[in-house]
Amino acid sequence: MSIELVCFENGPRPSAEAKQREADLDAYLEARVKDLVGKAGPESPPAMLEVMHSLLMENIPNLPPGGGLTSKRSVIESVYNQLVPQKSDQDPEDPDATL
């Protein structure tokens, strides 16, 4: 198997302004996820789907065209997984529980 890569010297490059907008958007999404998880409390954190739904209902500026919030899912999941640790083992008290 092989791959051929074609690079154009004068191809478009991301501008400093675009990189800054992307960083600002990531910081905004991080703050919103922390806020949504924090409001629910540590005893009953919202599911990832609930967080995504809440964010979809907001009018978030500077989302990438064509991808929208879905294109930023990895950023949202990363923050969510830091705040809400996932269960790695079944509950020993409930052998029929599924992950």
PDB file of N, CA and C in Angstrom:
ATOM      1  N   MET A   1       0.846  -1.161   0.000  1.00  0.00           N
ATOM      2  CA  MET A   1       0.000   0.000   0.000  1.00  0.00           C
ATOM      3  C   MET A   1       0.897   1.230   0.000  1.00  0.00           C
ATOM      4  N   SER A   2       0.493   2.243  -0.720  1.00  0.00           N
ATOM      5  CA  SER A   2       1.278   3.473  -0.752  1.00  0.00           C
ATOM      6  C   SER A   2       0.332   4.660  -0.756  1.00  0.00           C
ATOM      7  N   ILE A   3       0.913   5.811  -0.517  1.00  0.00           N
ATOM      8  CA  ILE A   3       0.145   7.045  -0.509  1.00  0.00           C
ATOM      9  C   ILE A   3       0.966   8.111  -1.208  1.00  0.00           C
ATOM     10  N   GLU A   4       0.297   8.954  -1.919  1.00  0.00           N
ATOM     11  CA  GLU A   4       0.963  10.048  -2.599  1.00  0.00           C
ATOM     12  C   GLU A   4       0.388  11.341  -2.054  1.00  0.00           C
ATOM     13  N   LEU A   5       1.249  12.206  -1.586  1.00  0.00           N
ATOM     14  CA  LEU A   5       0.830  13.456  -0.968  1.00  0.00           C
ATOM     15  C   LEU A   5       1.213  14.601  -1.885  1.00  0.00           C
ATOM     16  N   VAL A   6       0.244  15.419  -2.224  1.00  0.00           N
ATOM     17  CA  VAL A   6       0.485  16.575  -3.084  1.00  0.00           C
ATOM     18  C   VAL A   6       0.338  17.826  -2.236  1.00  0.00           C
ATOM     19  N   CYS A   7       1.378  18.624  -2.180  1.00  0.00           N
ATOM     20  CA  CYS A   7       1.371  19.858  -1.399  1.00  0.00           C
ATOM     21  C   CYS A   7       1.543  21.048  -2.330  1.00  0.00           C
ATOM     22  N   PHE A   8       0.741  22.048  -2.136  1.00  0.00           N
ATOM     23  CA  PHE A   8       0.823  23.257  -2.938  1.00  0.00           C
ATOM     24  C   PHE A   8       1.448  24.364  -2.094  1.00  0.00           C
ATOM     25  N   GLU A   9       2.509  24.944  -2.602  1.00  0.00           N
ATOM     26  CA  GLU A   9       3.224  25.984  -1.856  1.00  0.00           C
ATOM     27  C   GLU A   9       2.332  27.174  -1.523  1.00  0.00           C
ATOM     28  N   ASN A  10       1.490  27.556  -2.450  1.00  0.00           N
ATOM     29  CA  ASN A  10       0.668  28.748  -2.262  1.00  0.00           C
ATOM     30  C   ASN A  10      -0.742  28.417  -1.784  1.00  0.00           C
ATOM     31  N   GLY A  11      -0.900  27.255  -1.219  1.00  0.00           N
ATOM     32  CA  GLY A  11      -2.202  26.872  -0.687  1.00  0.00           C
ATOM     33  C   GLY A  11      -2.577  27.750   0.503  1.00  0.00           C
ATOM     34  N   PRO A  12      -3.877  27.832   0.800  1.00  0.00           N
ATOM     35  CA  PRO A  12      -4.304  28.673   1.933  1.00  0.00           C
ATOM     36  C   PRO A  12      -3.770  28.147   3.260  1.00  0.00           C
ATOM     37  N   ARG A  13      -3.435  29.034   4.128  1.00  0.00           N
ATOM     38  CA  ARG A  13      -2.943  28.702   5.457  1.00  0.00           C
ATOM     39  C   ARG A  13      -3.881  29.326   6.491  1.00  0.00           C
ATOM     40  N   PRO A  14      -4.048  28.678   7.623  1.00  0.00           N
ATOM     41  CA  PRO A  14      -4.896  29.271   8.667  1.00  0.00           C
ATOM     42  C   PRO A  14      -4.293  30.594   9.147  1.00  0.00           C
ATOM     43  N   SER A  15      -5.139  31.585   9.255  1.00  0.00           N
ATOM     44  CA  SER A  15      -4.676  32.890   9.721  1.00  0.00           C
ATOM     45  C   SER A  15      -4.599  32.894  11.248  1.00  0.00           C
ATOM     46  N   ALA A  16      -3.887  33.854  11.768  1.00  0.00           N
ATOM     47  CA  ALA A  16      -3.786  34.002  13.228  1.00  0.00           C
ATOM     48  C   ALA A  16      -5.168  34.283  13.815  1.00  0.00           C
ATOM     49  N   GLU A  17      -5.973  35.039  13.074  1.00  0.00           N
ATOM     50  CA  GLU A  17      -7.328  35.355  13.531  1.00  0.00           C
ATOM     51  C   GLU A  17      -8.184  34.090  13.618  1.00  0.00           C
ATOM     52  N   ALA A  18      -8.083  33.209  12.629  1.00  0.00           N
ATOM     53  CA  ALA A  18      -8.843  31.957  12.633  1.00  0.00           C
ATOM     54  C   ALA A  18      -8.401  31.050  13.780  1.00  0.00           C
ATOM     55  N   LYS A  19      -7.102  30.987  14.012  1.00  0.00           N
ATOM     56  CA  LYS A  19      -6.597  30.180  15.132  1.00  0.00           C
ATOM     57  C   LYS A  19      -7.095  30.721  16.460  1.00  0.00           C
ATOM     58  N   GLN A  20      -7.153  32.048  16.600  1.00  0.00           N
ATOM     59  CA  GLN A  20      -7.633  32.657  17.842  1.00  0.00           C
ATOM     60  C   GLN A  20      -9.120  32.386  18.034  1.00  0.00           C
ATOM     61  N   ARG A  21      -9.915  32.476  16.961  1.00  0.00           N
ATOM     62  CA  ARG A  21     -11.356  32.174  17.065  1.00  0.00           C
ATOM     63  C   ARG A  21     -11.571  30.729  17.497  1.00  0.00           C
ATOM     64  N   GLU A  22     -10.759  29.818  16.947  1.00  0.00           N
ATOM     65  CA  GLU A  22     -10.861  28.397  17.306  1.00  0.00           C
ATOM     66  C   GLU A  22     -10.529  28.192  18.790  1.00  0.00           C
ATOM     67  N   ALA A  23      -9.468  28.841  19.263  1.00  0.00           N
ATOM     68  CA  ALA A  23      -9.086  28.725  20.676  1.00  0.00           C
ATOM     69  C   ALA A  23     -10.167  29.316  21.582  1.00  0.00           C
ATOM     70  N   ASP A  24     -10.753  30.450  21.174  1.00  0.00           N
ATOM     71  CA  ASP A  24     -11.816  31.072  21.959  1.00  0.00           C
ATOM     72  C   ASP A  24     -13.049  30.173  22.015  1.00  0.00           C
ATOM     73  N   LEU A  25     -13.383  29.549  20.898  1.00  0.00           N
ATOM     74  CA  LEU A  25     -14.525  28.635  20.853  1.00  0.00           C
ATOM     75  C   LEU A  25     -14.295  27.428  21.759  1.00  0.00           C
ATOM     76  N   ASP A  26     -13.103  26.865  21.711  1.00  0.00           N
ATOM     77  CA  ASP A  26     -12.782  25.721  22.578  1.00  0.00           C
ATOM     78  C   ASP A  26     -12.881  26.115  24.052  1.00  0.00           C
ATOM     79  N   ALA A  27     -12.387  27.303  24.403  1.00  0.00           N
ATOM     80  CA  ALA A  27     -12.453  27.769  25.798  1.00  0.00           C
ATOM     81  C   ALA A  27     -13.912  27.989  26.216  1.00  0.00           C
ATOM     82  N   TYR A  28     -14.725  28.536  25.319  1.00  0.00           N
ATOM     83  CA  TYR A  28     -16.136  28.759  25.619  1.00  0.00           C
ATOM     84  C   TYR A  28     -16.850  27.429  25.853  1.00  0.00           C
ATOM     85  N   LEU A  29     -16.612  26.464  24.961  1.00  0.00           N
ATOM     86  CA  LEU A  29     -17.247  25.151  25.113  1.00  0.00           C
ATOM     87  C   LEU A  29     -16.809  24.468  26.399  1.00  0.00           C
ATOM     88  N   GLU A  30     -15.542  24.588  26.748  1.00  0.00           N
ATOM     89  CA  GLU A  30     -15.043  24.004  27.993  1.00  0.00           C
ATOM     90  C   GLU A  30     -15.768  24.614  29.190  1.00  0.00           C
ATOM     91  N   ALA A  31     -15.913  25.935  29.191  1.00  0.00           N
ATOM     92  CA  ALA A  31     -16.590  26.611  30.296  1.00  0.00           C
ATOM     93  C   ALA A  31     -18.064  26.192  30.378  1.00  0.00           C
ATOM     94  N   ARG A  32     -18.740  26.071  29.231  1.00  0.00           N
ATOM     95  CA  ARG A  32     -20.147  25.675  29.227  1.00  0.00           C
ATOM     96  C   ARG A  32     -20.334  24.248  29.724  1.00  0.00           C
ATOM     97  N   VAL A  33     -19.459  23.336  29.313  1.00  0.00           N
ATOM     98  CA  VAL A  33     -19.569  21.949  29.778  1.00  0.00           C
ATOM     99  C   VAL A  33     -19.351  21.901  31.292  1.00  0.00           C
ATOM    100  N   LYS A  34     -18.359  22.621  31.784  1.00  0.00           N
ATOM    101  CA  LYS A  34     -18.111  22.664  33.231  1.00  0.00           C
ATOM    102  C   LYS A  34     -19.326  23.220  33.965  1.00  0.00           C
ATOM    103  N   ASP A  35     -19.947  24.235  33.397  1.00  0.00           N
ATOM    104  CA  ASP A  35     -21.123  24.834  34.012  1.00  0.00           C
ATOM    105  C   ASP A  35     -22.294  23.853  34.035  1.00  0.00           C
ATOM    106  N   LEU A  36     -22.541  23.184  32.931  1.00  0.00           N
ATOM    107  CA  LEU A  36     -23.661  22.234  32.852  1.00  0.00           C
ATOM    108  C   LEU A  36     -23.472  21.056  33.802  1.00  0.00           C
ATOM    109  N   VAL A  37     -22.260  20.533  33.874  1.00  0.00           N
ATOM    110  CA  VAL A  37     -21.985  19.406  34.772  1.00  0.00           C
ATOM    111  C   VAL A  37     -22.020  19.885  36.227  1.00  0.00           C
ATOM    112  N   GLY A  38     -21.487  21.075  36.478  1.00  0.00           N
ATOM    113  CA  GLY A  38     -21.454  21.619  37.838  1.00  0.00           C
ATOM    114  C   GLY A  38     -22.832  21.887  38.399  1.00  0.00           C
ATOM    115  N   LYS A  39     -23.752  22.362  37.566  1.00  0.00           N
ATOM    116  CA  LYS A  39     -25.110  22.657  38.034  1.00  0.00           C
ATOM    117  C   LYS A  39     -25.837  21.394  38.482  1.00  0.00           C
ATOM    118  N   ALA A  40     -25.553  20.275  37.831  1.00  0.00           N
ATOM    119  CA  ALA A  40     -26.227  19.022  38.168  1.00  0.00           C
ATOM    120  C   ALA A  40     -25.703  18.444  39.478  1.00  0.00           C
ATOM    121  N   GLY A  41     -24.459  18.744  39.814  1.00  0.00           N
ATOM    122  CA  GLY A  41     -23.881  18.218  41.039  1.00  0.00           C
ATOM    123  C   GLY A  41     -23.188  16.892  40.814  1.00  0.00           C
ATOM    124  N   PRO A  42     -22.267  16.546  41.720  1.00  0.00           N
ATOM    125  CA  PRO A  42     -21.486  15.324  41.544  1.00  0.00           C
ATOM    126  C   PRO A  42     -22.283  14.041  41.742  1.00  0.00           C
ATOM    127  N   GLU A  43     -23.414  14.113  42.455  1.00  0.00           N
ATOM    128  CA  GLU A  43     -24.196  12.904  42.714  1.00  0.00           C
ATOM    129  C   GLU A  43     -24.957  12.440  41.476  1.00  0.00           C
ATOM    130  N   SER A  44     -25.378  13.384  40.647  1.00  0.00           N
ATOM    131  CA  SER A  44     -26.170  13.017  39.464  1.00  0.00           C
ATOM    132  C   SER A  44     -25.732  13.849  38.250  1.00  0.00           C
ATOM    133  N   PRO A  45     -24.542  13.586  37.745  1.00  0.00           N
ATOM    134  CA  PRO A  45     -24.079  14.357  36.595  1.00  0.00           C
ATOM    135  C   PRO A  45     -24.912  14.032  35.356  1.00  0.00           C
ATOM    136  N   PRO A  46     -25.070  15.002  34.468  1.00  0.00           N
ATOM    137  CA  PRO A  46     -25.846  14.736  33.256  1.00  0.00           C
ATOM    138  C   PRO A  46     -25.096  13.778  32.333  1.00  0.00           C
ATOM    139  N   ALA A  47     -25.839  13.070  31.528  1.00  0.00           N
ATOM    140  CA  ALA A  47     -25.230  12.190  30.539  1.00  0.00           C
ATOM    141  C   ALA A  47     -24.628  13.053  29.432  1.00  0.00           C
ATOM    142  N   MET A  48     -23.685  12.494  28.707  1.00  0.00           N
ATOM    143  CA  MET A  48     -23.040  13.221  27.620  1.00  0.00           C
ATOM    144  C   MET A  48     -24.075  13.692  26.596  1.00  0.00           C
ATOM    145  N   LEU A  49     -25.069  12.865  26.328  1.00  0.00           N
ATOM    146  CA  LEU A  49     -26.116  13.223  25.384  1.00  0.00           C
ATOM    147  C   LEU A  49     -26.900  14.447  25.850  1.00  0.00           C
ATOM    148  N   GLU A  50     -27.148  14.538  27.145  1.00  0.00           N
ATOM    149  CA  GLU A  50     -27.851  15.699  27.700  1.00  0.00           C
ATOM    150  C   GLU A  50     -27.023  16.966  27.538  1.00  0.00           C
ATOM    151  N   VAL A  51     -25.717  16.862  27.750  1.00  0.00           N
ATOM    152  CA  VAL A  51     -24.823  18.013  27.585  1.00  0.00           C
ATOM    153  C   VAL A  51     -24.842  18.469  26.125  1.00  0.00           C
ATOM    154  N   MET A  52     -24.716  17.520  25.198  1.00  0.00           N
ATOM    155  CA  MET A  52     -24.741  17.869  23.776  1.00  0.00           C
ATOM    156  C   MET A  52     -26.075  18.520  23.407  1.00  0.00           C
ATOM    157  N   HIS A  53     -27.184  17.976  23.919  1.00  0.00           N
ATOM    158  CA  HIS A  53     -28.501  18.536  23.622  1.00  0.00           C
ATOM    159  C   HIS A  53     -28.599  19.975  24.139  1.00  0.00           C
ATOM    160  N   SER A  54     -28.141  20.213  25.356  1.00  0.00           N
ATOM    161  CA  SER A  54     -28.178  21.565  25.921  1.00  0.00           C
ATOM    162  C   SER A  54     -27.372  22.534  25.073  1.00  0.00           C
ATOM    163  N   LEU A  55     -26.200  22.098  24.637  1.00  0.00           N
ATOM    164  CA  LEU A  55     -25.362  22.963  23.813  1.00  0.00           C
ATOM    165  C   LEU A  55     -25.988  23.210  22.438  1.00  0.00           C
ATOM    166  N   LEU A  56     -26.667  22.201  21.897  1.00  0.00           N
ATOM    167  CA  LEU A  56     -27.326  22.372  20.599  1.00  0.00           C
ATOM    168  C   LEU A  56     -28.445  23.407  20.668  1.00  0.00           C
ATOM    169  N   MET A  57     -29.065  23.554  21.830  1.00  0.00           N
ATOM    170  CA  MET A  57     -30.162  24.503  21.996  1.00  0.00           C
ATOM    171  C   MET A  57     -29.655  25.947  22.113  1.00  0.00           C
ATOM    172  N   GLU A  58     -28.366  26.114  22.324  1.00  0.00           N
ATOM    173  CA  GLU A  58     -27.792  27.457  22.470  1.00  0.00           C
ATOM    174  C   GLU A  58     -27.383  28.013  21.101  1.00  0.00           C
ATOM    175  N   ASN A  59     -27.306  29.312  21.028  1.00  0.00           N
ATOM    176  CA  ASN A  59     -26.814  29.973  19.828  1.00  0.00           C
ATOM    177  C   ASN A  59     -25.332  30.277  20.047  1.00  0.00           C
ATOM    178  N   ILE A  60     -24.485  29.324  19.696  1.00  0.00           N
ATOM    179  CA  ILE A  60     -23.044  29.445  19.935  1.00  0.00           C
ATOM    180  C   ILE A  60     -22.395  30.071  18.709  1.00  0.00           C
ATOM    181  N   PRO A  61     -21.747  31.228  18.886  1.00  0.00           N
ATOM    182  CA  PRO A  61     -21.110  31.888  17.742  1.00  0.00           C
ATOM    183  C   PRO A  61     -19.812  31.194  17.329  1.00  0.00           C
ATOM    184  N   ASN A  62     -19.435  31.391  16.076  1.00  0.00           N
ATOM    185  CA  ASN A  62     -18.159  30.924  15.514  1.00  0.00           C
ATOM    186  C   ASN A  62     -18.020  29.411  15.405  1.00  0.00           C
ATOM    187  N   LEU A  63     -19.147  28.676  15.370  1.00  0.00           N
ATOM    188  CA  LEU A  63     -19.044  27.240  15.116  1.00  0.00           C
ATOM    189  C   LEU A  63     -18.618  27.038  13.666  1.00  0.00           C
ATOM    190  N   PRO A  64     -17.819  26.005  13.398  1.00  0.00           N
ATOM    191  CA  PRO A  64     -17.350  25.780  12.029  1.00  0.00           C
ATOM    192  C   PRO A  64     -18.514  25.557  11.064  1.00  0.00           C
ATOM    193  N   PRO A  65     -18.481  26.219   9.912  1.00  0.00           N
ATOM    194  CA  PRO A  65     -19.547  26.006   8.936  1.00  0.00           C
ATOM    195  C   PRO A  65     -19.501  24.580   8.395  1.00  0.00           C
ATOM    196  N   GLY A  66     -20.670  24.017   8.222  1.00  0.00           N
ATOM    197  CA  GLY A  66     -20.742  22.666   7.678  1.00  0.00           C
ATOM    198  C   GLY A  66     -20.622  21.575   8.723  1.00  0.00           C
ATOM    199  N   GLY A  67     -20.010  21.855   9.854  1.00  0.00           N
ATOM    200  CA  GLY A  67     -19.834  20.846  10.893  1.00  0.00           C
ATOM    201  C   GLY A  67     -20.574  21.201  12.160  1.00  0.00           C
ATOM    202  N   GLY A  68     -20.684  22.491  12.425  1.00  0.00           N
ATOM    203  CA  GLY A  68     -21.392  22.959  13.601  1.00  0.00           C
ATOM    204  C   GLY A  68     -20.837  22.365  14.892  1.00  0.00           C
ATOM    205  N   LEU A  69     -21.724  22.163  15.838  1.00  0.00           N
ATOM    206  CA  LEU A  69     -21.326  21.652  17.146  1.00  0.00           C
ATOM    207  C   LEU A  69     -20.772  20.238  17.060  1.00  0.00           C
ATOM    208  N   THR A  70     -21.264  19.454  16.123  1.00  0.00           N
ATOM    209  CA  THR A  70     -20.798  18.076  15.978  1.00  0.00           C
ATOM    210  C   THR A  70     -19.302  18.021  15.701  1.00  0.00           C
ATOM    211  N   SER A  71     -18.781  18.998  14.981  1.00  0.00           N
ATOM    212  CA  SER A  71     -17.351  19.006  14.682  1.00  0.00           C
ATOM    213  C   SER A  71     -16.504  19.306  15.915  1.00  0.00           C
ATOM    214  N   LYS A  72     -17.123  19.795  16.974  1.00  0.00           N
ATOM    215  CA  LYS A  72     -16.403  20.104  18.216  1.00  0.00           C
ATOM    216  C   LYS A  72     -16.678  19.052  19.297  1.00  0.00           C
ATOM    217  N   ARG A  73     -17.258  17.925  18.917  1.00  0.00           N
ATOM    218  CA  ARG A  73     -17.607  16.881  19.887  1.00  0.00           C
ATOM    219  C   ARG A  73     -16.389  16.375  20.654  1.00  0.00           C
ATOM    220  N   SER A  74     -15.246  16.261  19.989  1.00  0.00           N
ATOM    221  CA  SER A  74     -14.057  15.750  20.683  1.00  0.00           C
ATOM    222  C   SER A  74     -13.627  16.692  21.810  1.00  0.00           C
ATOM    223  N   VAL A  75     -13.771  17.985  21.611  1.00  0.00           N
ATOM    224  CA  VAL A  75     -13.447  18.955  22.659  1.00  0.00           C
ATOM    225  C   VAL A  75     -14.412  18.789  23.823  1.00  0.00           C
ATOM    226  N   ILE A  76     -15.689  18.682  23.500  1.00  0.00           N
ATOM    227  CA  ILE A  76     -16.725  18.552  24.527  1.00  0.00           C
ATOM    228  C   ILE A  76     -16.553  17.245  25.300  1.00  0.00           C
ATOM    229  N   GLU A  77     -16.324  16.146  24.591  1.00  0.00           N
ATOM    230  CA  GLU A  77     -16.133  14.845  25.246  1.00  0.00           C
ATOM    231  C   GLU A  77     -14.907  14.843  26.145  1.00  0.00           C
ATOM    232  N   SER A  78     -13.851  15.480  25.707  1.00  0.00           N
ATOM    233  CA  SER A  78     -12.628  15.521  26.502  1.00  0.00           C
ATOM    234  C   SER A  78     -12.878  16.197  27.851  1.00  0.00           C
ATOM    235  N   VAL A  79     -13.539  17.333  27.830  1.00  0.00           N
ATOM    236  CA  VAL A  79     -13.849  18.047  29.074  1.00  0.00           C
ATOM    237  C   VAL A  79     -14.821  17.235  29.918  1.00  0.00           C
ATOM    238  N   TYR A  80     -15.850  16.684  29.278  1.00  0.00           N
ATOM    239  CA  TYR A  80     -16.851  15.897  29.994  1.00  0.00           C
ATOM    240  C   TYR A  80     -16.203  14.701  30.688  1.00  0.00           C
ATOM    241  N   ASN A  81     -15.326  13.989  29.980  1.00  0.00           N
ATOM    242  CA  ASN A  81     -14.681  12.804  30.560  1.00  0.00           C
ATOM    243  C   ASN A  81     -13.752  13.155  31.713  1.00  0.00           C
ATOM    244  N   GLN A  82     -13.201  14.352  31.728  1.00  0.00           N
ATOM    245  CA  GLN A  82     -12.380  14.786  32.860  1.00  0.00           C
ATOM    246  C   GLN A  82     -13.252  15.049  34.084  1.00  0.00           C
ATOM    247  N   LEU A  83     -14.453  15.574  33.839  1.00  0.00           N
ATOM    248  CA  LEU A  83     -15.347  15.944  34.941  1.00  0.00           C
ATOM    249  C   LEU A  83     -16.188  14.779  35.460  1.00  0.00           C
ATOM    250  N   VAL A  84     -16.536  13.857  34.565  1.00  0.00           N
ATOM    251  CA  VAL A  84     -17.398  12.731  34.925  1.00  0.00           C
ATOM    252  C   VAL A  84     -16.645  11.443  34.624  1.00  0.00           C
ATOM    253  N   PRO A  85     -15.950  10.906  35.605  1.00  0.00           N
ATOM    254  CA  PRO A  85     -15.214   9.660  35.363  1.00  0.00           C
ATOM    255  C   PRO A  85     -16.160   8.536  34.973  1.00  0.00           C
ATOM    256  N   GLN A  86     -15.756   7.763  34.005  1.00  0.00           N
ATOM    257  CA  GLN A  86     -16.573   6.649  33.527  1.00  0.00           C
ATOM    258  C   GLN A  86     -16.351   5.424  34.406  1.00  0.00           C
ATOM    259  N   LYS A  87     -17.390   4.624  34.565  1.00  0.00           N
ATOM    260  CA  LYS A  87     -17.260   3.379  35.318  1.00  0.00           C
ATOM    261  C   LYS A  87     -16.473   2.392  34.477  1.00  0.00           C
ATOM    262  N   SER A  88     -15.462   1.776  35.089  1.00  0.00           N
ATOM    263  CA  SER A  88     -14.663   0.812  34.343  1.00  0.00           C
ATOM    264  C   SER A  88     -15.027  -0.629  34.705  1.00  0.00           C
ATOM    265  N   ASP A  89     -15.661  -0.825  35.840  1.00  0.00           N
ATOM    266  CA  ASP A  89     -16.037  -2.172  36.282  1.00  0.00           C
ATOM    267  C   ASP A  89     -17.511  -2.185  36.643  1.00  0.00           C
ATOM    268  N   GLN A  90     -18.080  -3.373  36.603  1.00  0.00           N
ATOM    269  CA  GLN A  90     -19.468  -3.521  37.044  1.00  0.00           C
ATOM    270  C   GLN A  90     -19.541  -3.389  38.560  1.00  0.00           C
ATOM    271  N   ASP A  91     -20.685  -2.997  39.027  1.00  0.00           N
ATOM    272  CA  ASP A  91     -20.946  -2.923  40.455  1.00  0.00           C
ATOM    273  C   ASP A  91     -20.975  -4.335  41.020  1.00  0.00           C
ATOM    274  N   PRO A  92     -20.138  -4.654  42.002  1.00  0.00           N
ATOM    275  CA  PRO A  92     -20.128  -6.019  42.541  1.00  0.00           C
ATOM    276  C   PRO A  92     -21.445  -6.404  43.195  1.00  0.00           C
ATOM    277  N   GLU A  93     -22.257  -5.413  43.603  1.00  0.00           N
ATOM    278  CA  GLU A  93     -23.542  -5.683  44.225  1.00  0.00           C
ATOM    279  C   GLU A  93     -24.599  -6.038  43.183  1.00  0.00           C
ATOM    280  N   ASP A  94     -24.360  -5.669  41.910  1.00  0.00           N
ATOM    281  CA  ASP A  94     -25.345  -5.898  40.858  1.00  0.00           C
ATOM    282  C   ASP A  94     -24.686  -6.593  39.680  1.00  0.00           C
ATOM    283  N   PRO A  95     -24.628  -7.952  39.713  1.00  0.00           N
ATOM    284  CA  PRO A  95     -23.935  -8.678  38.645  1.00  0.00           C
ATOM    285  C   PRO A  95     -24.633  -8.594  37.299  1.00  0.00           C
ATOM    286  N   ASP A  96     -25.909  -8.192  37.273  1.00  0.00           N
ATOM    287  CA  ASP A  96     -26.636  -8.095  36.011  1.00  0.00           C
ATOM    288  C   ASP A  96     -26.523  -6.717  35.380  1.00  0.00           C
ATOM    289  N   ALA A  97     -25.849  -5.806  36.038  1.00  0.00           N
ATOM    290  CA  ALA A  97     -25.713  -4.441  35.505  1.00  0.00           C
ATOM    291  C   ALA A  97     -24.859  -4.465  34.259  1.00  0.00           C
ATOM    292  N   THR A  98     -25.243  -3.630  33.328  1.00  0.00           N
ATOM    293  CA  THR A  98     -24.446  -3.518  32.096  1.00  0.00           C
ATOM    294  C   THR A  98     -23.785  -2.157  32.072  1.00  0.00           C
ATOM    295  N   LEU A  99     -22.654  -2.100  31.413  1.00  0.00           N
ATOM    296  CA  LEU A  99     -21.926  -0.830  31.311  1.00  0.00           C
ATOM    297  C   LEU A  99     -22.517   0.033  30.244  1.00  0.00           C
TER     298      LEU A  99
END
